[in-house]
Protein backbone atom coordinates (compact mmCIF):
# COMPACT_ATOMS: atom_id res chain seq x y z
CA MET A 1 111.88 114.17 22.99
CA HIS A 2 115.34 115.64 22.28
CA GLN A 3 118.50 113.33 21.59
CA ARG A 4 120.40 114.96 24.73
CA THR A 5 117.16 114.05 27.39
CA ARG A 6 116.76 110.41 26.47
CA ARG A 7 120.68 109.81 26.37
CA THR A 8 120.25 111.51 30.09
CA LEU A 9 117.24 109.25 30.22
CA TYR A 10 119.07 105.77 29.37
CA ILE A 11 122.12 106.72 31.49
CA LEU A 12 120.07 107.02 34.49
CA ALA A 13 118.00 103.45 34.05
CA ALA A 14 121.81 102.12 33.69
CA VAL A 15 122.92 103.85 37.17
CA LEU A 16 119.54 102.49 38.86
CA ALA A 17 120.00 98.92 37.25
CA LEU A 18 123.56 99.01 38.27
CA LEU A 19 122.98 99.63 41.94
CA ALA A 20 120.29 97.13 41.70
CA VAL A 21 122.43 94.50 40.91
CA ALA A 22 124.92 95.78 43.81
CA VAL A 23 121.94 95.71 46.23
CA PHE A 24 121.38 92.16 45.19
CA LEU A 25 124.49 90.98 45.12
CA ARG A 26 124.84 92.59 48.70
CA SER A 27 122.30 90.88 50.53
CA LYS A 28 123.07 87.43 49.05
CA ALA A 29 127.02 88.04 50.81
CA PRO A 30 128.32 86.34 53.27
CA PRO A 31 128.11 87.22 56.64
CA GLU A 32 130.62 90.23 57.10
CA ALA A 33 133.46 88.43 59.87
CA ALA A 34 132.89 85.63 56.91
CA ARG A 35 133.88 87.98 54.42
CA LEU A 36 136.90 89.57 56.43
CA LEU A 37 138.79 86.31 56.71
CA LEU A 38 141.98 86.01 54.86
CA GLU A 39 141.46 84.21 51.66
CA SER A 40 141.40 80.45 51.35
CA ALA A 41 140.10 77.53 49.62
CA GLY A 42 137.03 77.36 51.25
CA ILE A 43 134.81 78.79 54.39
CA VAL A 44 132.82 76.69 56.10
CA TYR A 45 129.79 78.69 57.73
CA ALA A 46 127.43 77.45 60.65
CA GLY A 47 124.24 79.67 61.57
CA LEU A 48 124.03 78.57 65.23
CA LYS A 49 120.91 80.45 65.62
CA PRO A 50 118.66 77.56 66.25
CA THR A 51 120.97 76.18 68.71
CA GLN A 52 121.11 78.99 70.92
CA ASN A 53 116.68 78.62 70.65
CA THR A 54 116.73 75.14 71.77
CA ALA A 55 119.44 75.78 74.73
CA MET A 56 116.94 78.52 75.81
CA LEU A 57 114.57 75.84 76.67
CA TYR A 58 116.55 74.05 79.36
CA SER A 59 117.87 77.67 80.72
CA ARG A 60 116.84 78.74 83.89
CA PRO A 61 113.32 80.69 84.06
CA HIS A 62 114.14 84.86 84.38
CA ILE A 63 112.28 85.92 87.93
CA HIS A 64 111.29 89.21 87.90
CA ALA A 65 111.10 91.16 91.07
CA THR A 66 110.86 94.40 92.85
CA SER A 67 113.67 94.20 95.01
CA ASN A 68 116.53 91.61 95.69
CA ASP A 69 114.51 89.75 99.05
CA ALA A 70 111.71 88.83 96.59
CA ARG A 71 113.86 87.93 94.03
CA MET A 72 115.91 85.48 95.90
CA ASN A 73 112.72 83.92 97.95
CA ALA A 74 110.99 83.51 94.45
CA TRP A 75 114.88 81.50 93.75
CA ARG A 76 114.49 79.55 96.76
CA ALA A 77 110.94 78.90 96.21
CA TYR A 78 112.05 77.23 92.43
CA GLU A 79 114.52 75.35 93.95
CA ASN A 80 112.91 73.91 96.35
CA ASN A 81 110.15 72.91 93.58
CA SER A 82 112.37 71.92 91.06
CA ARG A 83 114.29 69.00 92.76
CA PRO A 84 113.16 65.37 93.13
């Protein structure tokens, strides 16, 4: 191989390695909103997805109906059956 071709391949490999490192570090970075906050001594981040999933267990059911009357009748039936 010529020296010029070898040097080009080394430069290409270095650029690809830097790109891979940048993508890896970006994947481990905090969310966009946390990164845009002002400088401070520390940041507390809490993922609320488990809370949302738990809240969905106790929410009222989604009633599928073709018309508003059918939806209201289904909701009344649910309300009447759910009361003690």
